[in-house]
C-alpha atoms as a PDB file:
ATOM      1  CA  UNK A   1      -2.265  -9.289   7.274  1.00  0.00           C
ATOM      2  CA  UNK A   2      -5.534  -8.732   5.399  1.00  0.00           C
ATOM      3  CA  UNK A   3      -7.429  -8.210   8.674  1.00  0.00           C
ATOM      4  CA  UNK A   4      -4.722  -5.891  10.019  1.00  0.00           C
ATOM      5  CA  UNK A   5      -4.909  -3.675   6.919  1.00  0.00           C
ATOM      6  CA  UNK A   6      -8.700  -3.527   7.279  1.00  0.00           C
ATOM      7  CA  UNK A   7      -8.416  -2.400  10.937  1.00  0.00           C
ATOM      8  CA  UNK A   8      -5.819   0.246  10.102  1.00  0.00           C
ATOM      9  CA  UNK A   9      -7.981   1.431   7.229  1.00  0.00           C
ATOM     10  CA  UNK A  10     -11.071   1.748   9.446  1.00  0.00           C
ATOM     11  CA  UNK A  11      -9.106   3.803  11.982  1.00  0.00           C
ATOM     12  CA  UNK A  12      -7.491   5.995   9.325  1.00  0.00           C
ATOM     13  CA  UNK A  13     -10.742   6.769   7.508  1.00  0.00           C
ATOM     14  CA  UNK A  14     -13.102   6.967  10.500  1.00  0.00           C
ATOM     15  CA  UNK A  15     -10.972   8.352  13.339  1.00  0.00           C
ATOM     16  CA  UNK A  16      -8.266  10.328  11.548  1.00  0.00           C
ATOM     17  CA  UNK A  17     -10.558  11.426   8.706  1.00  0.00           C
ATOM     18  CA  UNK A  18      -7.960  10.647   6.059  1.00  0.00           C
ATOM     19  CA  UNK A  19      -9.230  10.492   2.498  1.00  0.00           C
ATOM     20  CA  UNK A  20      -6.406   8.494   0.918  1.00  0.00           C
ATOM     21  CA  UNK A  21      -4.293   5.532   1.984  1.00  0.00           C
ATOM     22  CA  UNK A  22      -1.317   4.072   0.142  1.00  0.00           C
ATOM     23  CA  UNK A  23       0.427   0.724   0.300  1.00  0.00           C
ATOM     24  CA  UNK A  24       3.898   0.536  -1.205  1.00  0.00           C
ATOM     25  CA  UNK A  25       5.703  -2.757  -1.632  1.00  0.00           C
ATOM     26  CA  UNK A  26       8.586  -4.506  -3.292  1.00  0.00           C
ATOM     27  CA  UNK A  27       7.282  -5.784  -6.658  1.00  0.00           C
ATOM     28  CA  UNK A  28       8.699  -9.235  -5.837  1.00  0.00           C
ATOM     29  CA  UNK A  29       6.513  -9.506  -2.719  1.00  0.00           C
ATOM     30  CA  UNK A  30       3.441 -11.212  -4.172  1.00  0.00           C
ATOM     31  CA  UNK A  31       1.920 -11.845  -0.710  1.00  0.00           C
ATOM     32  CA  UNK A  32       1.777  -8.102   0.014  1.00  0.00           C
ATOM     33  CA  UNK A  33       0.252  -7.458  -3.380  1.00  0.00           C
ATOM     34  CA  UNK A  34      -2.468 -10.044  -2.662  1.00  0.00           C
ATOM     35  CA  UNK A  35      -3.271  -8.306   0.653  1.00  0.00           C
ATOM     36  CA  UNK A  36      -3.670  -4.968  -1.125  1.00  0.00           C
ATOM     37  CA  UNK A  37      -5.916  -6.498  -3.779  1.00  0.00           C
ATOM     38  CA  UNK A  38      -8.041  -8.363  -1.183  1.00  0.00           C
ATOM     39  CA  UNK A  39      -8.640  -5.028   0.583  1.00  0.00           C
ATOM     40  CA  UNK A  40      -9.770  -3.395  -2.685  1.00  0.00           C
ATOM     41  CA  UNK A  41      -6.752  -1.149  -3.148  1.00  0.00           C
ATOM     42  CA  UNK A  42      -6.141  -0.130  -6.761  1.00  0.00           C
ATOM     43  CA  UNK A  43      -2.771  -0.372  -8.445  1.00  0.00           C
ATOM     44  CA  UNK A  44      -1.629   3.142  -9.324  1.00  0.00           C
ATOM     45  CA  UNK A  45       1.918   2.687 -10.430  1.00  0.00           C
ATOM     46  CA  UNK A  46       5.385   1.266 -10.532  1.00  0.00           C
ATOM     47  CA  UNK A  47       7.924   3.522  -8.832  1.00  0.00           C
ATOM     48  CA  UNK A  48      11.425   3.036 -10.176  1.00  0.00           C
ATOM     49  CA  UNK A  49      14.252   3.294  -7.658  1.00  0.00           C
ATOM     50  CA  UNK A  50      11.893   4.748  -5.040  1.00  0.00           C
ATOM     51  CA  UNK A  51      13.562   3.323  -1.928  1.00  0.00           C
ATOM     52  CA  UNK A  52      17.215   3.568  -0.926  1.00  0.00           C
ATOM     53  CA  UNK A  53      18.593   0.973   1.470  1.00  0.00           C
ATOM     54  CA  UNK A  54      22.272   0.534   2.291  1.00  0.00           C
ATOM     55  CA  UNK A  55      23.385   2.367  -0.808  1.00  0.00           C
ATOM     56  CA  UNK A  56      21.153   0.461  -3.245  1.00  0.00           C
ATOM     57  CA  UNK A  57      17.915   1.636  -4.826  1.00  0.00           C
ATOM     58  CA  UNK A  58      14.812  -0.525  -5.132  1.00  0.00           C
ATOM     59  CA  UNK A  59      11.584  -0.337  -7.103  1.00  0.00           C
ATOM     60  CA  UNK A  60       8.144  -0.175  -5.449  1.00  0.00           C
ATOM     61  CA  UNK A  61       4.583  -0.889  -6.453  1.00  0.00           C
ATOM     62  CA  UNK A  62       2.007   1.684  -5.380  1.00  0.00           C
ATOM     63  CA  UNK A  63      -1.541   0.678  -4.436  1.00  0.00           C
ATOM     64  CA  UNK A  64      -4.046   3.173  -3.037  1.00  0.00           C
ATOM     65  CA  UNK A  65      -7.594   3.511  -1.754  1.00  0.00           C
ATOM     66  CA  UNK A  66      -9.623   6.679  -1.384  1.00  0.00           C
ATOM     67  CA  UNK A  67     -12.522   7.216   0.982  1.00  0.00           C
ATOM     68  CA  UNK A  68     -15.835   7.252  -0.835  1.00  0.00           C
END
C-alpha cells in the first residue's frame, strides 16, 4: 500500500498539478495510519461522525500532504 500511495501521489502532483492530497481513514485502522506516516503525510485532525454508512456515523482521521 505504501508504494501505491507513492505512485498515486506522483501522478497527482506531477500530472494533475494538484497541490494538496488527503488521506482519510477509520481511526481504528492502524495499518492505514502507518502507510500515511511512511509517505510523510501529516496528521491534521480527527473528524467526528464524518462518514455515514448504513444509517450509522463513523469518525475519521485526516492526514494530508501539500506539494512543496
